[in-house]
Amino acid sequence: VLVTENAKDALIKSLIEQFDTFFQSSPESSDSYARII
């Protein structure tokens, strides 16, 4: 991701929130997350 300075902090905060939301903070125990081949 190439992000401008005025958008970086908000984007990082929101990305972390999305990762946590997708997998209830635990991708390893989620049935919705694939493994490396």
All heavy atoms as atom14 arrays in JSON, in Angstrom:
{
  "sequence": "VLVTENAKDALIKSLIEQFDTFFQSSPESSDSYARII",
  "atom14_mask": [
    [1, 1, 1, 1, 1, 1, 1, 0, 0, 0, 0, 0, 0, 0],
    [1, 1, 1, 1, 1, 1, 1, 1, 0, 0, 0, 0, 0, 0],
    [1, 1, 1, 1, 1, 1, 1, 0, 0, 0, 0, 0, 0, 0],
    [1, 1, 1, 1, 1, 1, 1, 0, 0, 0, 0, 0, 0, 0],
    [1, 1, 1, 1, 1, 1, 1, 1, 1, 0, 0, 0, 0, 0],
    [1, 1, 1, 1, 1, 1, 1, 1, 0, 0, 0, 0, 0, 0],
    [1, 1, 1, 1, 1, 0, 0, 0, 0, 0, 0, 0, 0, 0],
    [1, 1, 1, 1, 1, 1, 1, 1, 1, 0, 0, 0, 0, 0],
    [1, 1, 1, 1, 1, 1, 1, 1, 0, 0, 0, 0, 0, 0],
    [1, 1, 1, 1, 1, 0, 0, 0, 0, 0, 0, 0, 0, 0],
    [1, 1, 1, 1, 1, 1, 1, 1, 0, 0, 0, 0, 0, 0],
    [1, 1, 1, 1, 1, 1, 1, 1, 0, 0, 0, 0, 0, 0],
    [1, 1, 1, 1, 1, 1, 1, 1, 1, 0, 0, 0, 0, 0],
    [1, 1, 1, 1, 1, 1, 0, 0, 0, 0, 0, 0, 0, 0],
    [1, 1, 1, 1, 1, 1, 1, 1, 0, 0, 0, 0, 0, 0],
    [1, 1, 1, 1, 1, 1, 1, 1, 0, 0, 0, 0, 0, 0],
    [1, 1, 1, 1, 1, 1, 1, 1, 1, 0, 0, 0, 0, 0],
    [1, 1, 1, 1, 1, 1, 1, 1, 1, 0, 0, 0, 0, 0],
    [1, 1, 1, 1, 1, 1, 1, 1, 1, 1, 1, 0, 0, 0],
    [1, 1, 1, 1, 1, 1, 1, 1, 0, 0, 0, 0, 0, 0],
    [1, 1, 1, 1, 1, 1, 1, 0, 0, 0, 0, 0, 0, 0],
    [1, 1, 1, 1, 1, 1, 1, 1, 1, 1, 1, 0, 0, 0],
    [1, 1, 1, 1, 1, 1, 1, 1, 1, 1, 1, 0, 0, 0],
    [1, 1, 1, 1, 1, 1, 1, 1, 1, 0, 0, 0, 0, 0],
    [1, 1, 1, 1, 1, 1, 0, 0, 0, 0, 0, 0, 0, 0],
    [1, 1, 1, 1, 1, 1, 0, 0, 0, 0, 0, 0, 0, 0],
    [1, 1, 1, 1, 1, 1, 1, 0, 0, 0, 0, 0, 0, 0],
    [1, 1, 1, 1, 1, 1, 1, 1, 1, 0, 0, 0, 0, 0],
    [1, 1, 1, 1, 1, 1, 0, 0, 0, 0, 0, 0, 0, 0],
    [1, 1, 1, 1, 1, 1, 0, 0, 0, 0, 0, 0, 0, 0],
    [1, 1, 1, 1, 1, 1, 1, 1, 0, 0, 0, 0, 0, 0],
    [1, 1, 1, 1, 1, 1, 0, 0, 0, 0, 0, 0, 0, 0],
    [1, 1, 1, 1, 1, 1, 1, 1, 1, 1, 1, 1, 0, 0],
    [1, 1, 1, 1, 1, 0, 0, 0, 0, 0, 0, 0, 0, 0],
    [1, 1, 1, 1, 1, 1, 1, 1, 1, 1, 1, 0, 0, 0],
    [1, 1, 1, 1, 1, 1, 1, 1, 0, 0, 0, 0, 0, 0],
    [1, 1, 1, 1, 1, 1, 1, 1, 0, 0, 0, 0, 0, 0]
  ],
  "atom14_positions": [
    [[0.84, -1.2, 0.0], [0.0, 0.0, 0.0], [0.88, 1.24, 0.0], [1.77, 1.39, 0.85], [-0.94, 0.03, 1.23], [-1.77, 1.31, 1.24], [-1.85, -1.18, 1.23], [0.0, 0.0, 0.0], [0.0, 0.0, 0.0], [0.0, 0.0, 0.0], [0.0, 0.0, 0.0], [0.0, 0.0, 0.0], [0.0, 0.0, 0.0], [0.0, 0.0, 0.0]],
    [[0.62, 2.14, -0.94], [1.25, 3.45, -0.98], [0.22, 4.44, -0.42], [-0.84, 4.65, -1.03], [1.63, 3.83, -2.41], [2.64, 2.89, -3.1], [2.67, 3.14, -4.6], [4.03, 3.06, -2.5], [0.0, 0.0, 0.0], [0.0, 0.0, 0.0], [0.0, 0.0, 0.0], [0.0, 0.0, 0.0], [0.0, 0.0, 0.0], [0.0, 0.0, 0.0]],
    [[0.5, 5.02, 0.74], [-0.49, 5.87, 1.4], [0.12, 7.23, 1.73], [1.29, 7.33, 2.11], [-1.02, 5.18, 2.69], [0.11, 4.88, 3.67], [-2.11, 6.0, 3.35], [0.0, 0.0, 0.0], [0.0, 0.0, 0.0], [0.0, 0.0, 0.0], [0.0, 0.0, 0.0], [0.0, 0.0, 0.0], [0.0, 0.0, 0.0], [0.0, 0.0, 0.0]],
    [[-0.68, 8.27, 1.58], [-0.2, 9.62, 1.9], [-0.18, 9.8, 3.42], [-0.93, 9.14, 4.15], [-1.08, 10.7, 1.25], [-2.45, 10.5, 1.66], [-1.01, 10.62, -0.28], [0.0, 0.0, 0.0], [0.0, 0.0, 0.0], [0.0, 0.0, 0.0], [0.0, 0.0, 0.0], [0.0, 0.0, 0.0], [0.0, 0.0, 0.0], [0.0, 0.0, 0.0]],
    [[0.67, 10.71, 3.89], [0.87, 10.93, 5.32], [-0.43, 11.26, 6.03], [-0.68, 10.78, 7.15], [1.89, 12.07, 5.51], [2.34, 12.26, 6.95], [3.22, 11.11, 7.46], [4.23, 10.78, 6.82], [2.85, 10.53, 8.5], [0.0, 0.0, 0.0], [0.0, 0.0, 0.0], [0.0, 0.0, 0.0], [0.0, 0.0, 0.0], [0.0, 0.0, 0.0]],
    [[-1.29, 12.06, 5.38], [-2.53, 12.49, 6.05], [-3.59, 11.38, 6.14], [-4.63, 11.56, 6.75], [-3.13, 13.72, 5.34], [-3.49, 13.45, 3.89], [-3.12, 12.41, 3.33], [-4.19, 14.38, 3.27], [0.0, 0.0, 0.0], [0.0, 0.0, 0.0], [0.0, 0.0, 0.0], [0.0, 0.0, 0.0], [0.0, 0.0, 0.0], [0.0, 0.0, 0.0]],
    [[-3.32, 10.22, 5.52], [-4.28, 9.11, 5.57], [-3.72, 7.9, 6.31], [-4.47, 6.99, 6.66], [-4.68, 8.71, 4.15], [0.0, 0.0, 0.0], [0.0, 0.0, 0.0], [0.0, 0.0, 0.0], [0.0, 0.0, 0.0], [0.0, 0.0, 0.0], [0.0, 0.0, 0.0], [0.0, 0.0, 0.0], [0.0, 0.0, 0.0], [0.0, 0.0, 0.0]],
    [[-2.41, 7.9, 6.55], [-1.73, 6.69, 7.04], [-2.25, 6.2, 8.38], [-2.64, 5.02, 8.52], [-0.22, 6.92, 7.13], [0.56, 5.65, 7.5], [2.04, 5.92, 7.65], [2.33, 6.59, 8.98], [3.78, 6.6, 9.31], [0.0, 0.0, 0.0], [0.0, 0.0, 0.0], [0.0, 0.0, 0.0], [0.0, 0.0, 0.0], [0.0, 0.0, 0.0]],
    [[-2.26, 7.03, 9.4], [-2.62, 6.58, 10.74], [-4.04, 6.03, 10.8], [-4.29, 4.98, 11.4], [-2.46, 7.73, 11.75], [-0.99, 8.11, 11.96], [-0.12, 7.31, 11.56], [-0.73, 9.2, 12.5], [0.0, 0.0, 0.0], [0.0, 0.0, 0.0], [0.0, 0.0, 0.0], [0.0, 0.0, 0.0], [0.0, 0.0, 0.0], [0.0, 0.0, 0.0]],
    [[-4.96, 6.73, 10.15], [-6.36, 6.28, 10.16], [-6.5, 4.96, 9.4], [-7.27, 4.08, 9.81], [-7.25, 7.36, 9.54], [0.0, 0.0, 0.0], [0.0, 0.0, 0.0], [0.0, 0.0, 0.0], [0.0, 0.0, 0.0], [0.0, 0.0, 0.0], [0.0, 0.0, 0.0], [0.0, 0.0, 0.0], [0.0, 0.0, 0.0], [0.0, 0.0, 0.0]],
    [[-5.75, 4.81, 8.31], [-5.83, 3.58, 7.52], [-5.3, 2.39, 8.32], [-5.92, 1.33, 8.36], [-5.04, 3.73, 6.21], [-5.02, 2.48, 5.33], [-6.41, 2.17, 4.78], [-4.02, 2.63, 4.19], [0.0, 0.0, 0.0], [0.0, 0.0, 0.0], [0.0, 0.0, 0.0], [0.0, 0.0, 0.0], [0.0, 0.0, 0.0], [0.0, 0.0, 0.0]],
    [[-4.15, 2.58, 8.97], [-3.55, 1.49, 9.76], [-4.51, 1.06, 10.88], [-4.75, -0.13, 11.09], [-2.19, 1.91, 10.33], [-1.15, 2.01, 9.19], [-1.71, 0.93, 11.4], [0.16, 2.64, 9.61], [0.0, 0.0, 0.0], [0.0, 0.0, 0.0], [0.0, 0.0, 0.0], [0.0, 0.0, 0.0], [0.0, 0.0, 0.0], [0.0, 0.0, 0.0]],
    [[-5.07, 2.04, 11.6], [-6.01, 1.75, 12.68], [-7.21, 0.96, 12.15], [-7.64, -0.03, 12.75], [-6.47, 3.07, 13.31], [-7.43, 2.92, 14.48], [-7.7, 4.29, 15.12], [-8.66, 4.18, 16.29], [-10.05, 3.92, 15.88], [0.0, 0.0, 0.0], [0.0, 0.0, 0.0], [0.0, 0.0, 0.0], [0.0, 0.0, 0.0], [0.0, 0.0, 0.0]],
    [[-7.73, 1.38, 11.01], [-8.91, 0.71, 10.44], [-8.58, -0.68, 9.9], [-9.4, -1.6, 10.01], [-9.51, 1.58, 9.33], [-10.79, 1.13, 8.98], [0.0, 0.0, 0.0], [0.0, 0.0, 0.0], [0.0, 0.0, 0.0], [0.0, 0.0, 0.0], [0.0, 0.0, 0.0], [0.0, 0.0, 0.0], [0.0, 0.0, 0.0], [0.0, 0.0, 0.0]],
    [[-7.4, -0.86, 9.32], [-6.98, -2.18, 8.84], [-6.9, -3.18, 9.99], [-7.38, -4.32, 9.88], [-5.62, -2.09, 8.14], [-5.61, -1.63, 6.69], [-4.19, -1.3, 6.23], [-6.21, -2.69, 5.77], [0.0, 0.0, 0.0], [0.0, 0.0, 0.0], [0.0, 0.0, 0.0], [0.0, 0.0, 0.0], [0.0, 0.0, 0.0], [0.0, 0.0, 0.0]],
    [[-6.33, -2.75, 11.12], [-6.23, -3.61, 12.3], [-7.62, -3.99, 12.8], [-7.89, -5.14, 13.13], [-5.4, -2.93, 13.41], [-3.93, -2.82, 12.96], [-5.51, -3.69, 14.73], [-3.07, -1.95, 13.85], [0.0, 0.0, 0.0], [0.0, 0.0, 0.0], [0.0, 0.0, 0.0], [0.0, 0.0, 0.0], [0.0, 0.0, 0.0], [0.0, 0.0, 0.0]],
    [[-8.52, -3.02, 12.82], [-9.91, -3.29, 13.23], [-10.57, -4.31, 12.31], [-11.3, -5.19, 12.76], [-10.71, -1.98, 13.25], [-10.33, -1.04, 14.38], [-10.98, 0.34, 14.25], [-11.67, 0.56, 13.22], [-10.79, 1.17, 15.15], [0.0, 0.0, 0.0], [0.0, 0.0, 0.0], [0.0, 0.0, 0.0], [0.0, 0.0, 0.0], [0.0, 0.0, 0.0]],
    [[-10.32, -4.18, 11.01], [-10.92, -5.1, 10.04], [-10.39, -6.53, 10.23], [-11.16, -7.49, 10.2], [-10.65, -4.63, 8.6], [-11.35, -3.34, 8.23], [-12.86, -3.42, 8.35], [-13.45, -4.48, 8.18], [-13.48, -2.3, 8.67], [0.0, 0.0, 0.0], [0.0, 0.0, 0.0], [0.0, 0.0, 0.0], [0.0, 0.0, 0.0], [0.0, 0.0, 0.0]],
    [[-9.08, -6.67, 10.4], [-8.5, -8.0, 10.63], [-9.13, -8.66, 11.86], [-9.48, -9.84, 11.85], [-6.98, -7.92, 10.81], [-6.21, -7.62, 9.55], [-5.12, -6.75, 9.57], [-6.55, -8.22, 8.35], [-4.4, -6.48, 8.41], [-5.84, -7.95, 7.19], [-4.76, -7.09, 7.22], [0.0, 0.0, 0.0], [0.0, 0.0, 0.0], [0.0, 0.0, 0.0]],
    [[-9.28, -7.86, 12.93], [-9.86, -8.39, 14.16], [-11.33, -8.76, 13.96], [-11.81, -9.78, 14.47], [-9.73, -7.37, 15.3], [-8.33, -7.32, 15.88], [-7.57, -8.28, 15.68], [-7.99, -6.31, 16.53], [0.0, 0.0, 0.0], [0.0, 0.0, 0.0], [0.0, 0.0, 0.0], [0.0, 0.0, 0.0], [0.0, 0.0, 0.0], [0.0, 0.0, 0.0]],
    [[-12.05, -7.93, 13.2], [-13.48, -8.17, 12.96], [-13.69, -9.42, 12.11], [-14.57, -10.24, 12.39], [-14.12, -6.96, 12.26], [-13.95, -5.81, 13.09], [-15.6, -7.2, 12.01], [0.0, 0.0, 0.0], [0.0, 0.0, 0.0], [0.0, 0.0, 0.0], [0.0, 0.0, 0.0], [0.0, 0.0, 0.0], [0.0, 0.0, 0.0], [0.0, 0.0, 0.0]],
    [[-12.87, -9.57, 11.08], [-13.0, -10.72, 10.17], [-12.92, -12.05, 10.92], [-13.67, -12.98, 10.64], [-11.89, -10.7, 9.11], [-12.1, -9.71, 7.99], [-11.14, -9.58, 7.01], [-13.22, -8.91, 7.91], [-11.3, -8.68, 5.96], [-13.4, -8.01, 6.88], [-12.44, -7.89, 5.89], [0.0, 0.0, 0.0], [0.0, 0.0, 0.0], [0.0, 0.0, 0.0]],
    [[-11.97, -12.13, 11.83], [-11.64, -13.43, 12.45], [-11.8, -13.44, 13.97], [-11.2, -14.27, 14.65], [-10.21, -13.84, 12.07], [-9.96, -13.79, 10.59], [-9.11, -12.84, 10.05], [-10.59, -14.69, 9.74], [-8.88, -12.8, 8.68], [-10.37, -14.64, 8.38], [-9.51, -13.7, 7.83], [0.0, 0.0, 0.0], [0.0, 0.0, 0.0], [0.0, 0.0, 0.0]],
    [[-12.61, -12.49, 14.52], [-12.8, -12.41, 15.97], [-11.45, -12.44, 16.71], [-11.29, -13.12, 17.73], [-13.71, -13.55, 16.49], [-15.16, -13.44, 16.05], [-15.4, -13.92, 14.63], [-14.96, -15.0, 14.26], [-16.07, -13.12, 13.83], [0.0, 0.0, 0.0], [0.0, 0.0, 0.0], [0.0, 0.0, 0.0], [0.0, 0.0, 0.0], [0.0, 0.0, 0.0]],
    [[-10.48, -11.73, 16.14], [-9.13, -11.58, 16.71], [-8.35, -12.89, 16.75], [-7.27, -12.95, 17.34], [-9.19, -11.0, 18.14], [-9.86, -9.76, 18.11], [0.0, 0.0, 0.0], [0.0, 0.0, 0.0], [0.0, 0.0, 0.0], [0.0, 0.0, 0.0], [0.0, 0.0, 0.0], [0.0, 0.0, 0.0], [0.0, 0.0, 0.0], [0.0, 0.0, 0.0]],
    [[-8.86, -13.95, 16.08], [-8.14, -15.24, 16.12], [-8.24, -15.96, 14.78], [-8.99, -16.92, 14.64], [-8.71, -16.11, 17.24], [-8.02, -17.34, 17.27], [0.0, 0.0, 0.0], [0.0, 0.0, 0.0], [0.0, 0.0, 0.0], [0.0, 0.0, 0.0], [0.0, 0.0, 0.0], [0.0, 0.0, 0.0], [0.0, 0.0, 0.0], [0.0, 0.0, 0.0]],
    [[-7.45, -15.53, 13.77], [-7.51, -16.2, 12.46], [-7.13, -17.67, 12.54], [-7.63, -18.48, 11.76], [-6.47, -15.42, 11.63], [-6.27, -14.13, 12.34], [-6.52, -14.41, 13.78], [0.0, 0.0, 0.0], [0.0, 0.0, 0.0], [0.0, 0.0, 0.0], [0.0, 0.0, 0.0], [0.0, 0.0, 0.0], [0.0, 0.0, 0.0], [0.0, 0.0, 0.0]],
    [[-6.26, -18.03, 13.5], [-5.77, -19.42, 13.58], [-6.89, -20.4, 13.91], [-6.88, -21.54, 13.45], [-4.64, -19.52, 14.62], [-3.93, -20.85, 14.57], [-2.62, -20.86, 15.34], [-2.34, -19.9, 16.1], [-1.86, -21.83, 15.17], [0.0, 0.0, 0.0], [0.0, 0.0, 0.0], [0.0, 0.0, 0.0], [0.0, 0.0, 0.0], [0.0, 0.0, 0.0]],
    [[-7.87, -19.97, 14.67], [-8.96, -20.86, 15.03], [-10.21, -20.63, 14.18], [-11.24, -21.26, 14.39], [-9.32, -20.69, 16.51], [-9.7, -19.34, 16.77], [0.0, 0.0, 0.0], [0.0, 0.0, 0.0], [0.0, 0.0, 0.0], [0.0, 0.0, 0.0], [0.0, 0.0, 0.0], [0.0, 0.0, 0.0], [0.0, 0.0, 0.0], [0.0, 0.0, 0.0]],
    [[-10.1, -19.72, 13.2], [-11.25, -19.41, 12.36], [-11.42, -20.42, 11.23], [-10.44, -20.91, 10.66], [-11.09, -18.0, 11.76], [-12.08, -17.74, 10.79], [0.0, 0.0, 0.0], [0.0, 0.0, 0.0], [0.0, 0.0, 0.0], [0.0, 0.0, 0.0], [0.0, 0.0, 0.0], [0.0, 0.0, 0.0], [0.0, 0.0, 0.0], [0.0, 0.0, 0.0]],
    [[-12.68, -20.72, 10.9], [-12.97, -21.6, 9.76], [-12.97, -20.82, 8.44], [-13.21, -21.4, 7.39], [-14.35, -22.26, 9.94], [-14.33, -23.31, 11.04], [-13.25, -23.89, 11.27], [-15.39, -23.53, 11.65], [0.0, 0.0, 0.0], [0.0, 0.0, 0.0], [0.0, 0.0, 0.0], [0.0, 0.0, 0.0], [0.0, 0.0, 0.0], [0.0, 0.0, 0.0]],
    [[-12.73, -19.51, 8.51], [-12.82, -18.66, 7.32], [-11.46, -18.2, 6.8], [-11.38, -17.25, 6.03], [-13.68, -17.43, 7.64], [-14.97, -17.82, 8.03], [0.0, 0.0, 0.0], [0.0, 0.0, 0.0], [0.0, 0.0, 0.0], [0.0, 0.0, 0.0], [0.0, 0.0, 0.0], [0.0, 0.0, 0.0], [0.0, 0.0, 0.0], [0.0, 0.0, 0.0]],
    [[-10.41, -18.86, 7.25], [-9.06, -18.41, 6.87], [-8.24, -19.59, 6.37], [-8.02, -20.57, 7.09], [-8.38, -17.75, 8.07], [-7.07, -17.06, 7.74], [-7.02, -15.97, 6.87], [-5.88, -17.48, 8.33], [-5.83, -15.33, 6.59], [-4.68, -16.84, 8.06], [-4.66, -15.77, 7.19], [-3.48, -15.13, 6.91], [0.0, 0.0, 0.0], [0.0, 0.0, 0.0]],
    [[-7.78, -19.51, 5.13], [-7.04, -20.6, 4.5], [-5.61, -20.69, 5.06], [-5.14, -19.79, 5.77], [-6.99, -20.41, 2.99], [0.0, 0.0, 0.0], [0.0, 0.0, 0.0], [0.0, 0.0, 0.0], [0.0, 0.0, 0.0], [0.0, 0.0, 0.0], [0.0, 0.0, 0.0], [0.0, 0.0, 0.0], [0.0, 0.0, 0.0], [0.0, 0.0, 0.0]],
    [[-4.92, -21.76, 4.7], [-3.54, -21.96, 5.12], [-2.59, -21.76, 3.94], [-3.0, -21.78, 2.77], [-3.35, -23.37, 5.69], [-4.16, -23.62, 6.96], [-3.73, -22.66, 8.08], [-4.41, -22.92, 9.35], [-5.4, -22.19, 9.82], [-5.88, -21.17, 9.13], [-5.95, -22.46, 11.0], [0.0, 0.0, 0.0], [0.0, 0.0, 0.0], [0.0, 0.0, 0.0]],
    [[-1.31, -21.59, 4.24], [-0.29, -21.5, 3.2], [-0.16, -22.9, 2.57], [-0.24, -23.91, 3.26], [1.05, -21.02, 3.79], [0.85, -19.67, 4.51], [2.09, -20.88, 2.69], [0.22, -18.57, 3.67], [0.0, 0.0, 0.0], [0.0, 0.0, 0.0], [0.0, 0.0, 0.0], [0.0, 0.0, 0.0], [0.0, 0.0, 0.0], [0.0, 0.0, 0.0]],
    [[0.05, -22.95, 1.28], [-0.06, -24.2, 0.53], [0.91, -25.28, 0.99], [0.56, -26.44, 1.08], [0.09, -23.95, -0.99], [-0.16, -25.24, -1.78], [1.43, -23.34, -1.33], [-1.53, -25.82, -1.63], [0.0, 0.0, 0.0], [0.0, 0.0, 0.0], [0.0, 0.0, 0.0], [0.0, 0.0, 0.0], [0.0, 0.0, 0.0], [0.0, 0.0, 0.0]]
  ]
}
